[in-house]
Amino acid sequence: MTRLLRRHGGGDARVREAARKALEEFGRAGLPEHPAAFEAAAVLVDAELALHARRPYPFGRADREQLGAMERLCRDHHERFGPDNPLTLSARASHGIHLVRWGDPERGRAVLRAVEEDARLLLGDRRPSRLRALYGLSVAALLTKDHPAAADLAEQAYRGQCLVLGEHHPDTLFSLMQLGIARTLTGGNPRAVATVRRARRGLAEVLGPRHEEIVRGHVSEVLGGLPRPVLLAVVHAADFLNQAPGAVRRAVRDLFGRR
């Protein structure tokens, strides 16, 4: 379900319905904390969020309304299912990641820290919602130029997802890509480019060769071959251009920091 959802951008009603039915079946079987139940919850949340996330960049009121709709979705799940329900935690984690990607990394970081703590205290360390929150915290750290923290958080997420979801799951491969990019920007790690290349190949097999994360991986591989002073100059130039409006800003954010 996750592969189909990501390939169609969350717009397939059949995927949402399949995820909803899977959650109901796990509930009837008394297995609400089964890893596959968390997976179904993540699929359903991503599909519901996609209804309110048609545009990836918050330039105006309509985009703020989309983020508001996500917040209402999180509150609705909290009231209907409770704070420790996998659907609630997945909704909160996805909301935090959207905030990080859409240009509010500090607010997104606060949301994700709360999700990580709640999931860990309520359900344990190796829950998909907690690991997804760690991935989002890594993205936030990268955007705020804390590259060592970004690498550490991505590695935690990746190792946990390998155990819980498997090495070839899309979420695991996204964390592996994030780890490679963070290592590239940290410098001094000869495995960085190889890590990005491995993630890119895995994602191409799972999601197809045209997924935007694969483009991000190609860019990271090129940057990883640059001398570190040149690499940092490119990143600083990207930060400057990222303040520009319109197409320039969108292009820069596609290459630096958006999943």
Protein backbone atom coordinates (compact mmCIF):
# COMPACT_ATOMS: atom_id res chain seq x y z
CA MET A 1 0.00 0.00 0.00
CA THR A 2 2.79 2.42 0.85
CA ARG A 3 4.44 1.94 -2.54
CA LEU A 4 1.19 2.48 -4.40
CA LEU A 5 0.34 5.54 -2.33
CA ARG A 6 3.69 7.24 -2.92
CA ARG A 7 3.61 6.47 -6.62
CA HIS A 8 0.19 8.07 -7.03
CA GLY A 9 0.80 10.93 -4.61
CA GLY A 10 -1.93 9.85 -2.20
CA GLY A 11 -4.73 10.60 -4.64
CA ASP A 12 -6.10 7.11 -5.22
CA ALA A 13 -9.34 6.59 -3.31
CA ARG A 14 -8.87 2.83 -3.48
CA VAL A 15 -5.61 3.10 -1.56
CA ARG A 16 -7.29 5.12 1.19
CA GLU A 17 -10.12 2.62 1.40
CA ALA A 18 -7.71 -0.34 1.52
CA ALA A 19 -5.76 1.28 4.34
CA ARG A 20 -8.95 2.04 6.26
CA LYS A 21 -10.18 -1.55 5.92
CA ALA A 22 -6.79 -2.91 6.99
CA LEU A 23 -6.90 -0.82 10.16
CA GLU A 24 -10.40 -2.06 10.93
CA GLU A 25 -9.28 -5.68 10.47
CA PHE A 26 -6.31 -5.26 12.79
CA GLY A 27 -8.63 -3.68 15.36
CA ARG A 28 -11.10 -6.56 15.18
CA ALA A 29 -8.23 -9.05 15.50
CA GLY A 30 -6.97 -7.31 18.64
CA LEU A 31 -3.69 -6.32 16.96
CA PRO A 32 -3.81 -2.50 16.89
CA GLU A 33 -0.05 -2.27 17.59
CA HIS A 34 1.06 -4.72 14.90
CA PRO A 35 3.74 -3.12 12.66
CA ALA A 36 1.49 -3.58 9.64
CA ALA A 37 -1.27 -1.68 11.46
CA PHE A 38 1.10 1.26 11.90
CA GLU A 39 1.96 0.99 8.22
CA ALA A 40 -1.72 1.11 7.26
CA ALA A 41 -2.19 4.10 9.56
CA ALA A 42 0.68 5.95 7.89
CA VAL A 43 -0.77 5.21 4.44
CA LEU A 44 -4.21 6.45 5.47
CA VAL A 45 -2.86 9.61 7.07
CA ASP A 46 -0.71 10.45 4.06
CA ALA A 47 -3.72 9.98 1.80
CA GLU A 48 -5.93 12.21 3.95
CA LEU A 49 -3.24 14.87 4.22
CA ALA A 50 -2.82 14.81 0.45
CA LEU A 51 -6.38 16.10 0.15
CA HIS A 52 -5.19 19.32 1.83
CA ALA A 53 -1.68 19.50 0.35
CA ARG A 54 -2.06 20.18 -3.34
CA ARG A 55 0.75 22.76 -3.42
CA PRO A 56 4.07 22.20 -1.65
CA TYR A 57 5.01 25.81 -0.86
CA PRO A 58 3.19 28.17 1.55
CA PHE A 59 3.12 31.48 -0.35
CA GLY A 60 -0.35 32.68 0.58
CA ARG A 61 -3.57 32.30 2.48
CA ALA A 62 -4.66 29.15 0.64
CA ASP A 63 -1.51 27.34 1.75
CA ARG A 64 -1.99 28.47 5.35
CA GLU A 65 -5.50 27.08 5.13
CA GLN A 66 -4.09 23.74 3.99
CA LEU A 67 -1.80 23.60 7.01
CA GLY A 68 -4.75 24.54 9.20
CA ALA A 69 -6.70 21.63 7.73
CA MET A 70 -3.85 19.30 8.68
CA GLU A 71 -3.90 20.60 12.24
CA ARG A 72 -7.65 20.00 12.41
CA LEU A 73 -7.12 16.46 11.12
CA CYS A 74 -4.62 15.81 13.92
CA ARG A 75 -7.01 17.16 16.54
CA ASP A 76 -9.86 15.11 15.11
CA HIS A 77 -7.85 11.90 15.32
CA HIS A 78 -6.75 12.74 18.86
CA GLU A 79 -10.36 13.21 19.96
CA ARG A 80 -11.74 10.19 18.11
CA PHE A 81 -8.97 7.64 18.67
CA GLY A 82 -6.91 8.89 21.61
CA PRO A 83 -3.29 10.07 21.90
CA ASP A 84 -1.62 6.65 21.65
CA ASN A 85 -3.50 5.44 18.58
CA PRO A 86 -1.21 4.73 15.58
CA LEU A 87 -3.43 6.85 13.34
CA THR A 88 -3.12 9.84 15.68
CA LEU A 89 0.65 9.52 16.00
CA SER A 90 1.11 9.07 12.25
CA ALA A 91 -1.04 12.14 11.57
CA ARG A 92 1.02 14.24 13.97
CA ALA A 93 4.31 12.98 12.52
CA SER A 94 3.18 13.71 8.95
CA HIS A 95 1.99 17.17 9.98
CA GLY A 96 5.37 17.92 11.55
CA ILE A 97 7.23 16.79 8.44
CA HIS A 98 4.99 18.96 6.26
CA LEU A 99 5.75 21.96 8.46
CA VAL A 100 9.48 21.30 8.18
CA ARG A 101 9.36 20.95 4.41
CA TRP A 102 7.09 23.93 3.90
CA GLY A 103 9.47 26.44 5.43
CA ASP A 104 8.76 26.37 9.19
CA PRO A 105 11.44 23.98 10.48
CA GLU A 106 11.37 25.26 14.06
CA ARG A 107 7.64 24.75 14.47
CA GLY A 108 7.85 21.42 12.69
CA ARG A 109 10.70 20.39 14.96
CA ALA A 110 8.58 21.13 18.05
CA VAL A 111 5.73 19.00 16.69
CA LEU A 112 8.08 16.14 15.83
CA ARG A 113 9.85 16.21 19.19
CA ALA A 114 6.50 15.85 20.92
CA VAL A 115 5.53 12.95 18.63
CA GLU A 116 8.85 11.21 19.22
CA GLU A 117 8.52 11.51 22.99
CA ASP A 118 4.88 10.43 23.07
CA ALA A 119 5.46 7.43 20.80
CA ARG A 120 8.50 6.35 22.82
CA LEU A 121 6.78 6.68 26.20
CA LEU A 122 3.43 5.23 25.14
CA LEU A 123 4.47 2.52 22.71
CA GLY A 124 8.24 1.97 22.84
CA ASP A 125 11.33 2.84 20.83
CA ARG A 126 10.71 0.84 17.67
CA ARG A 127 7.41 2.17 16.42
CA PRO A 128 7.06 3.44 12.84
CA SER A 129 5.55 6.75 14.01
CA ARG A 130 8.53 7.44 16.30
CA LEU A 131 11.00 6.51 13.56
CA ARG A 132 9.17 8.72 11.08
CA ALA A 133 9.43 11.58 13.59
CA LEU A 134 13.19 10.99 13.87
CA TYR A 135 13.45 11.25 10.09
CA GLY A 136 11.56 14.56 10.16
CA LEU A 137 13.82 15.87 12.93
CA SER A 138 16.80 15.02 10.73
CA VAL A 139 15.31 17.04 7.86
CA ALA A 140 14.77 19.97 10.24
CA ALA A 141 18.35 19.74 11.50
CA LEU A 142 19.64 19.74 7.92
CA LEU A 143 17.62 22.85 7.05
CA THR A 144 18.98 24.65 10.12
CA LYS A 145 22.55 23.60 9.18
CA ASP A 146 23.09 21.25 12.13
CA HIS A 147 24.58 18.63 9.83
CA PRO A 148 26.05 16.28 12.51
CA ALA A 149 22.68 16.12 14.30
CA ALA A 150 20.94 15.51 10.98
CA ALA A 151 23.23 12.56 10.29
CA ASP A 152 22.78 11.11 13.79
CA LEU A 153 18.97 11.37 13.68
CA ALA A 154 18.78 9.91 10.18
CA GLU A 155 20.97 6.98 11.24
CA GLN A 156 18.74 6.30 14.26
CA ALA A 157 15.66 6.34 12.03
CA TYR A 158 17.30 4.15 9.39
CA ARG A 159 18.54 1.49 11.79
CA GLY A 160 15.17 1.26 13.51
CA GLN A 161 13.26 1.12 10.24
CA CYS A 162 15.51 -1.66 8.96
CA LEU A 163 14.40 -3.76 11.94
CA VAL A 164 10.72 -2.77 11.93
CA LEU A 165 9.91 -2.19 8.25
CA GLY A 166 12.78 -3.85 6.39
CA GLU A 167 15.64 -2.47 4.30
CA HIS A 168 13.57 -2.02 1.14
CA HIS A 169 10.61 -0.16 2.62
CA PRO A 170 10.20 3.38 1.17
CA ASP A 171 10.44 5.04 4.60
CA THR A 172 13.68 3.15 5.29
CA LEU A 173 15.14 4.23 1.96
CA PHE A 174 14.12 7.85 2.54
CA SER A 175 16.02 7.78 5.84
CA LEU A 176 19.02 6.20 4.12
CA MET A 177 18.97 8.99 1.53
CA GLN A 178 18.74 11.58 4.29
CA LEU A 179 21.68 9.94 6.08
CA GLY A 180 23.83 10.07 2.95
CA ILE A 181 23.00 13.72 2.25
CA ALA A 182 23.68 14.72 5.87
CA ARG A 183 27.02 12.90 5.76
CA THR A 184 27.88 14.67 2.51
CA LEU A 185 27.31 18.08 4.10
CA THR A 186 29.11 17.11 7.31
CA GLY A 187 32.23 16.18 5.35
CA GLY A 188 34.98 13.71 6.10
CA ASN A 189 32.84 10.62 5.49
CA PRO A 190 33.98 8.57 2.49
CA ARG A 191 30.77 6.50 2.60
CA ALA A 192 28.45 9.46 2.04
CA VAL A 193 28.18 9.30 -1.75
CA ALA A 194 27.95 5.50 -1.69
CA THR A 195 25.10 5.76 0.83
CA VAL A 196 23.20 8.20 -1.39
CA ARG A 197 23.77 6.00 -4.41
CA ARG A 198 22.46 2.92 -2.59
CA ALA A 199 19.34 4.79 -1.45
CA ARG A 200 18.77 6.21 -4.93
CA ARG A 201 18.93 2.77 -6.54
CA GLY A 202 16.60 1.30 -3.94
CA LEU A 203 14.05 4.08 -4.37
CA ALA A 204 14.19 3.74 -8.15
CA GLU A 205 13.25 0.07 -7.81
CA VAL A 206 10.45 0.74 -5.32
CA LEU A 207 8.98 4.03 -6.58
CA GLY A 208 10.19 4.35 -10.15
CA PRO A 209 13.06 6.37 -11.66
CA ARG A 210 11.25 9.73 -11.81
CA HIS A 211 10.54 10.25 -8.13
CA GLU A 212 11.77 13.65 -6.90
CA GLU A 213 13.86 12.09 -4.12
CA ILE A 214 15.95 10.35 -6.77
CA VAL A 215 16.68 13.74 -8.36
CA ARG A 216 17.73 14.98 -4.93
CA GLY A 217 20.07 12.00 -4.69
CA HIS A 218 21.65 12.76 -8.07
CA VAL A 219 22.33 16.34 -6.96
CA SER A 220 23.84 15.15 -3.69
CA GLU A 221 26.16 12.76 -5.53
CA VAL A 222 27.43 15.61 -7.70
CA LEU A 223 27.91 17.90 -4.70
CA GLY A 224 29.63 15.14 -2.78
CA GLY A 225 32.42 15.14 -5.34
CA LEU A 226 33.18 18.84 -4.81
CA PRO A 227 35.91 20.16 -2.49
CA ARG A 228 34.36 21.09 0.85
CA PRO A 229 34.87 24.90 0.47
CA VAL A 230 33.12 24.77 -2.91
CA LEU A 231 30.35 22.60 -1.48
CA LEU A 232 29.70 25.06 1.35
CA ALA A 233 29.71 27.97 -1.10
CA VAL A 234 27.07 26.20 -3.19
CA VAL A 235 24.93 25.57 -0.11
CA HIS A 236 25.21 29.21 0.99
CA ALA A 237 24.27 30.36 -2.52
CA ALA A 238 21.26 28.06 -2.38
CA ASP A 239 20.27 29.58 0.96
CA PHE A 240 20.45 33.06 -0.58
CA LEU A 241 18.42 32.07 -3.62
CA ASN A 242 15.92 30.34 -1.36
CA GLN A 243 14.81 33.77 -0.15
CA ALA A 244 13.72 34.67 -3.68
CA PRO A 245 10.09 34.28 -4.73
CA GLY A 246 8.49 32.10 -7.33
CA ALA A 247 10.17 29.57 -9.56
CA VAL A 248 13.71 30.22 -8.30
CA ARG A 249 12.74 29.46 -4.72
CA ARG A 250 10.81 26.38 -5.74
CA ALA A 251 13.74 25.02 -7.75
CA VAL A 252 16.18 25.57 -4.91
CA ARG A 253 13.94 23.90 -2.35
CA ASP A 254 13.49 20.94 -4.66
CA LEU A 255 17.24 20.40 -4.52
CA PHE A 256 17.87 21.27 -0.88
CA GLY A 257 15.70 19.83 1.80
CA ARG A 258 12.39 18.74 0.32
CA ARG A 259 11.37 15.06 0.29
